[in-house]
Each structure stands twice: as structure tokens, then as C-alpha cells.
């Protein structure tokens, strides 16, 4: 292990925040799972912190401001795709402190596509419409990530997968389900945890609505991959260190 991995690196695991108690617990459990997985998979001393960009506390700004100035930090977005929270909120928090970088959100990782395809596989009788549901963002970068993910799922299932959004982008999920007419509809939730948007998916009246991504060890591993990538790119962990990925 190199000298760089002996120092403490702070990981600010940052989620959106929710009023839903089950959603809060799922995010809490994800942080705990990430911390345990990292002990065996990342050759560095990591100190984990919780933070939120909305609804809950501590806020990301407060969490970053509280870190020891002499020690490096990574903001790890517990978010599925890029949007205002990554390009503005997280970016500003990173800029406010020296020796601080941000990892990417989950994004269209192949492992995520496989998880969602597996959840659809048992519901394909009757030629249903398959809809990938995302929270939504007005930013093109986030929309492109969702479309990329839908394309991967489509190739795995060998059938069309369309996209619907809960907010911030078109088409809206309710409209997509309604446009299916009498054809059965499977809505694949790419939402991270229970909350307002998951309830919105259920209210569409789709024949099947899959559960949020969590809990799932594969999803936790995907977030750990994003952290590993950032630690290497930032130089916080040497490329010579043994850091296992998926």
C-alpha cells in the first residue's frame, strides 16, 4: 500500500433526502453497506459522512464545511443520474473546499441495466410495454444517461424499452402509461428508494411497477465503483494499490 493510502480520506455520501421513513432507512442502510464493502475493497482509510441536498439534514454544505481542512474528501452522490443536484449543488460544495472532489452518480452502468432487466424478466408474458421510469431532470446530460440505460435494457430483453419521467423532463410517466391503451405496462423503477416519486409510479395504474433499486448489493457495488474511479483519478489512491472492482 502506498503512502498516499495511509492518510484519512473523507467520503461525504450525499443523497437527495426524503420525508418517507422507509426511504430514509434505505439510504442509511446503503451508507452502512458501502462502508462495510469499502473495508475489503478499497486500500485506504475512509471516514464516512452523511449529507443531503434537500429535505433532510445535515446539508451538504454544512457537512463539507465541518471536515478537517488538512484531509482530502470525496463527495459521493447517492443519486442515479446527473442533474441540478450534481452540476450545481454538489459542484458548488466541492468548489468551496480545497482538496475536495466529486464522484459521478450511478449513471448507465451495465450492472444497473442488468438489475432492471432481471426485474422485468418475470413479467413479459402478454407482450407488455416496458417503461423505464426515472426521476427526471431538465439537463440533457441526465436525460442522455437515462436513454443510455433504457437502450442497454432493451438489448438485454430484446424488446423496446421506452422512457418516462416523474418530473423535469418529457414524456411524463403518467402520459406514457395512458398512451399504452389496452396493452399491459411494466414500469421499471430506477428510483433509488421509497418516496414521493415511487408513489407517483404506483398511481399510474400500470400493471406492474417494480420496487425501487434499494436494497440490492449490486446497486451498492455500483456506487462503490464510482468511488473507486474517483479515488484513482484524483490520486487519493495510487494506481499501484490493489483496489478490486466488480
Protein backbone atom coordinates (compact mmCIF):
# COMPACT_ATOMS: atom_id res chain seq x y z
CA UNK A 1 0.00 0.00 0.00
CA UNK A 2 1.40 3.37 -0.95
CA UNK A 3 1.97 6.25 1.43
CA UNK A 4 -1.00 8.14 -0.07
CA UNK A 5 -3.43 5.49 1.14
CA UNK A 6 -2.28 5.76 4.77
CA UNK A 7 -3.91 9.15 5.28
CA UNK A 8 -7.56 9.66 6.08
CA UNK A 9 -9.94 10.31 3.18
CA UNK A 10 -13.41 11.62 3.97
CA UNK A 11 -16.36 10.32 1.94
CA UNK A 12 -19.45 12.53 2.05
CA UNK A 13 -22.20 10.17 0.88
CA UNK A 14 -24.85 12.60 -0.35
CA UNK A 15 -28.45 11.76 -1.21
CA UNK A 16 -31.42 13.87 -2.21
CA UNK A 17 -33.38 13.48 1.03
CA UNK A 18 -36.95 12.36 1.61
CA UNK A 19 -39.77 12.63 4.14
CA UNK A 20 -40.51 8.93 3.66
CA UNK A 21 -39.31 6.99 6.71
CA UNK A 22 -38.64 3.79 4.74
CA UNK A 23 -36.75 5.74 2.11
CA UNK A 24 -34.64 7.36 4.82
CA UNK A 25 -33.81 3.95 6.27
CA UNK A 26 -32.87 2.52 2.88
CA UNK A 27 -30.37 5.33 2.29
CA UNK A 28 -28.99 4.93 5.82
CA UNK A 29 -28.56 1.20 5.19
CA UNK A 30 -26.86 1.90 1.86
CA UNK A 31 -24.25 4.08 3.56
CA UNK A 32 -23.61 1.38 6.14
CA UNK A 33 -23.29 -1.25 3.42
CA UNK A 34 -20.89 0.90 1.42
CA UNK A 35 -18.73 1.45 4.48
CA UNK A 36 -18.50 -2.29 5.10
CA UNK A 37 -17.82 -3.16 1.45
CA UNK A 38 -15.13 -0.48 1.22
CA UNK A 39 -13.18 -2.00 4.10
CA UNK A 40 -12.38 -5.03 1.94
CA UNK A 41 -12.30 -3.41 -1.49
CA UNK A 42 -10.54 -0.05 -1.13
CA UNK A 43 -6.96 0.24 0.08
CA UNK A 44 -7.39 3.47 2.06
CA UNK A 45 -8.62 4.72 5.42
CA UNK A 46 -12.08 6.14 4.72
CA UNK A 47 -14.24 8.15 7.12
CA UNK A 48 -17.88 8.26 6.06
CA UNK A 49 -20.30 11.17 6.49
CA UNK A 50 -23.98 11.62 5.60
CA UNK A 51 -25.32 14.66 3.75
CA UNK A 52 -28.36 15.77 1.76
CA UNK A 53 -29.05 18.28 -0.98
CA UNK A 54 -32.70 18.74 0.05
CA UNK A 55 -35.32 17.87 2.70
CA UNK A 56 -33.05 16.28 5.33
CA UNK A 57 -30.10 17.38 7.44
CA UNK A 58 -27.17 17.73 7.61
CA UNK A 59 -26.99 19.72 4.40
CA UNK A 60 -24.16 19.00 2.01
CA UNK A 61 -22.71 22.49 2.56
CA UNK A 62 -22.64 22.01 6.33
CA UNK A 63 -21.14 18.52 6.06
CA UNK A 64 -18.34 19.70 3.78
CA UNK A 65 -17.62 22.77 5.92
CA UNK A 66 -17.24 20.57 9.00
CA UNK A 67 -14.43 18.43 7.55
CA UNK A 68 -10.84 18.83 8.76
CA UNK A 69 -9.16 21.21 6.34
CA UNK A 70 -5.95 19.20 6.06
CA UNK A 71 -7.59 15.96 4.88
CA UNK A 72 -8.89 15.11 1.39
CA UNK A 73 -12.56 14.47 0.70
CA UNK A 74 -14.80 12.90 -1.94
CA UNK A 75 -18.45 13.81 -2.33
CA UNK A 76 -20.17 10.59 -3.40
CA UNK A 77 -23.62 11.29 -4.90
CA UNK A 78 -26.14 8.65 -3.87
CA UNK A 79 -28.08 9.66 -6.96
CA UNK A 80 -28.99 7.76 -10.11
CA UNK A 81 -28.18 10.35 -12.79
CA UNK A 82 -26.79 13.80 -13.31
CA UNK A 83 -28.99 16.84 -12.78
CA UNK A 84 -29.03 20.16 -10.98
CA UNK A 85 -28.03 18.48 -7.72
CA UNK A 86 -24.78 17.17 -9.23
CA UNK A 87 -23.94 20.00 -11.62
CA UNK A 88 -24.86 22.82 -9.23
CA UNK A 89 -25.31 21.82 -5.56
CA UNK A 90 -22.51 19.26 -5.40
CA UNK A 91 -20.24 21.21 -7.74
CA UNK A 92 -20.53 24.33 -5.56
CA UNK A 93 -19.84 22.35 -2.38
CA UNK A 94 -16.70 20.87 -3.94
CA UNK A 95 -15.51 24.28 -5.09
CA UNK A 96 -15.95 25.65 -1.56
CA UNK A 97 -13.21 23.46 -0.12
CA UNK A 98 -9.68 22.68 -1.22
CA UNK A 99 -8.63 19.08 -1.76
CA UNK A 100 -12.22 18.01 -2.43
CA UNK A 101 -13.58 16.19 -5.49
CA UNK A 102 -16.90 14.71 -6.57
CA UNK A 103 -17.64 11.23 -7.87
CA UNK A 104 -20.22 10.63 -10.56
CA UNK A 105 -23.77 9.42 -9.90
CA UNK A 106 -24.78 5.83 -10.58
CA UNK A 107 -25.29 6.52 -14.28
CA UNK A 108 -25.89 3.92 -17.01
CA UNK A 109 -23.65 1.20 -15.63
CA UNK A 110 -24.17 -2.21 -17.30
CA UNK A 111 -24.71 -3.79 -13.87
CA UNK A 112 -27.61 -1.42 -13.24
CA UNK A 113 -29.13 -2.28 -16.62
CA UNK A 114 -28.89 -5.98 -15.76
CA UNK A 115 -30.60 -5.48 -12.38
CA UNK A 116 -33.53 -3.73 -14.05
CA UNK A 117 -33.74 -6.25 -16.89
CA UNK A 118 -33.84 -9.09 -14.36
CA UNK A 119 -36.74 -7.39 -12.58
CA UNK A 120 -38.67 -7.18 -15.84
CA UNK A 121 -37.93 -10.74 -16.97
CA UNK A 122 -40.71 -12.43 -14.99
CA UNK A 123 -43.42 -10.12 -16.32
CA UNK A 124 -43.03 -10.28 -20.10
CA UNK A 125 -45.95 -12.58 -20.96
CA UNK A 126 -48.65 -10.87 -22.99
CA UNK A 127 -46.26 -8.56 -24.85
CA UNK A 128 -46.33 -5.70 -22.34
CA UNK A 129 -44.92 -2.24 -22.94
CA UNK A 130 -41.73 -1.88 -20.88
CA UNK A 131 -41.17 1.60 -19.48
CA UNK A 132 -38.04 2.75 -17.67
CA UNK A 133 -39.15 5.33 -15.09
CA UNK A 134 -36.68 7.99 -13.94
CA UNK A 135 -36.97 10.91 -11.57
CA UNK A 136 -36.21 13.35 -14.38
CA UNK A 137 -34.07 16.41 -14.99
CA UNK A 138 -34.17 19.30 -17.43
CA UNK A 139 -30.46 18.77 -18.12
CA UNK A 140 -29.61 16.94 -21.32
CA UNK A 141 -26.71 15.07 -19.70
CA UNK A 142 -29.04 13.37 -17.24
CA UNK A 143 -31.65 12.58 -19.88
CA UNK A 144 -28.95 11.04 -22.07
CA UNK A 145 -27.87 8.79 -19.21
CA UNK A 146 -31.45 7.53 -18.79
CA UNK A 147 -31.79 6.91 -22.54
CA UNK A 148 -28.48 5.03 -22.50
CA UNK A 149 -29.73 2.87 -19.64
CA UNK A 150 -33.00 2.17 -21.48
CA UNK A 151 -31.04 1.15 -24.57
CA UNK A 152 -28.98 -1.35 -22.58
CA UNK A 153 -32.10 -2.87 -21.01
CA UNK A 154 -33.69 -3.08 -24.45
CA UNK A 155 -30.75 -5.05 -25.79
CA UNK A 156 -30.78 -7.45 -22.84
CA UNK A 157 -34.51 -8.10 -23.12
CA UNK A 158 -34.54 -7.95 -26.94
CA UNK A 159 -37.57 -5.66 -26.91
CA UNK A 160 -38.34 -1.95 -26.96
CA UNK A 161 -37.93 -0.04 -23.70
CA UNK A 162 -39.36 3.47 -23.58
CA UNK A 163 -38.61 6.17 -21.00
CA UNK A 164 -40.98 8.11 -18.76
CA UNK A 165 -40.11 10.77 -16.19
CA UNK A 166 -41.66 11.70 -12.87
CA UNK A 167 -40.74 15.39 -13.26
CA UNK A 168 -38.39 17.76 -15.04
CA UNK A 169 -38.49 16.15 -18.47
CA UNK A 170 -40.84 14.76 -21.10
CA UNK A 171 -42.62 12.45 -21.57
CA UNK A 172 -44.17 12.22 -18.12
CA UNK A 173 -44.62 8.69 -16.80
CA UNK A 174 -48.41 9.01 -16.39
CA UNK A 175 -48.77 10.02 -20.05
CA UNK A 176 -46.63 7.09 -21.23
CA UNK A 177 -48.76 4.59 -19.29
CA UNK A 178 -52.00 6.15 -20.54
CA UNK A 179 -50.80 6.04 -24.14
CA UNK A 180 -50.39 2.28 -23.90
CA UNK A 181 -54.18 1.97 -24.23
CA UNK A 182 -55.16 -1.66 -23.52
CA UNK A 183 -51.65 -3.05 -23.72
CA UNK A 184 -50.24 -4.19 -20.36
CA UNK A 185 -47.47 -2.00 -18.95
CA UNK A 186 -44.42 -2.79 -16.86
CA UNK A 187 -42.85 0.23 -15.17
CA UNK A 188 -39.23 -0.36 -14.18
CA UNK A 189 -38.40 1.97 -11.32
CA UNK A 190 -34.89 3.43 -11.49
CA UNK A 191 -35.62 5.43 -8.34
CA UNK A 192 -33.21 4.76 -5.53
CA UNK A 193 -35.62 4.43 -2.61
CA UNK A 194 -39.21 4.82 -1.49
CA UNK A 195 -40.64 8.32 -1.55
CA UNK A 196 -42.95 10.67 -3.40
CA UNK A 197 -41.85 9.64 -6.89
CA UNK A 198 -42.20 5.91 -6.23
CA UNK A 199 -45.77 6.53 -5.07
CA UNK A 200 -46.29 8.50 -8.28
CA UNK A 201 -45.27 5.45 -10.30
CA UNK A 202 -47.74 3.24 -8.45
CA UNK A 203 -50.52 5.76 -9.03
CA UNK A 204 -50.16 5.49 -12.82
CA UNK A 205 -52.19 2.29 -12.81
CA UNK A 206 -49.51 0.28 -14.62
CA UNK A 207 -49.98 -3.48 -14.44
CA UNK A 208 -46.56 -3.95 -12.81
CA UNK A 209 -44.42 -1.38 -11.02
CA UNK A 210 -41.11 -2.71 -9.78
CA UNK A 211 -39.74 -1.68 -6.41
CA UNK A 212 -37.04 0.98 -6.02
CA UNK A 213 -33.43 -0.02 -6.61
CA UNK A 214 -32.66 -0.45 -2.91
CA UNK A 215 -31.97 -2.68 -1.13
CA UNK A 216 -29.65 -4.50 -3.53
CA UNK A 217 -26.00 -5.36 -3.01
CA UNK A 218 -25.31 -4.92 -6.73
CA UNK A 219 -26.51 -1.33 -6.53
CA UNK A 220 -24.23 -0.73 -3.56
CA UNK A 221 -21.34 -2.19 -5.54
CA UNK A 222 -22.12 0.17 -8.42
CA UNK A 223 -21.80 3.18 -6.12
CA UNK A 224 -18.55 1.74 -4.81
CA UNK A 225 -17.26 1.54 -8.39
CA UNK A 226 -17.92 5.28 -8.79
CA UNK A 227 -16.00 5.95 -5.58
CA UNK A 228 -13.10 3.73 -6.67
CA UNK A 229 -12.87 5.51 -10.02
CA UNK A 230 -12.72 8.91 -8.33
CA UNK A 231 -10.14 7.89 -5.75
CA UNK A 232 -7.86 6.71 -8.54
CA UNK A 233 -8.48 9.69 -10.85
CA UNK A 234 -7.85 12.18 -8.04
CA UNK A 235 -4.65 10.46 -6.94
CA UNK A 236 -6.04 9.80 -3.44
CA UNK A 237 -5.40 6.10 -4.06
CA UNK A 238 -2.36 5.04 -6.05
CA UNK A 239 -2.84 3.10 -9.25
CA UNK A 240 -0.34 0.62 -7.79
CA UNK A 241 -2.63 -0.19 -4.87
CA UNK A 242 -4.83 -3.24 -5.09
CA UNK A 243 -8.38 -1.97 -5.41
CA UNK A 244 -10.86 -4.56 -6.58
CA UNK A 245 -13.90 -3.64 -8.66
CA UNK A 246 -16.96 -5.53 -9.91
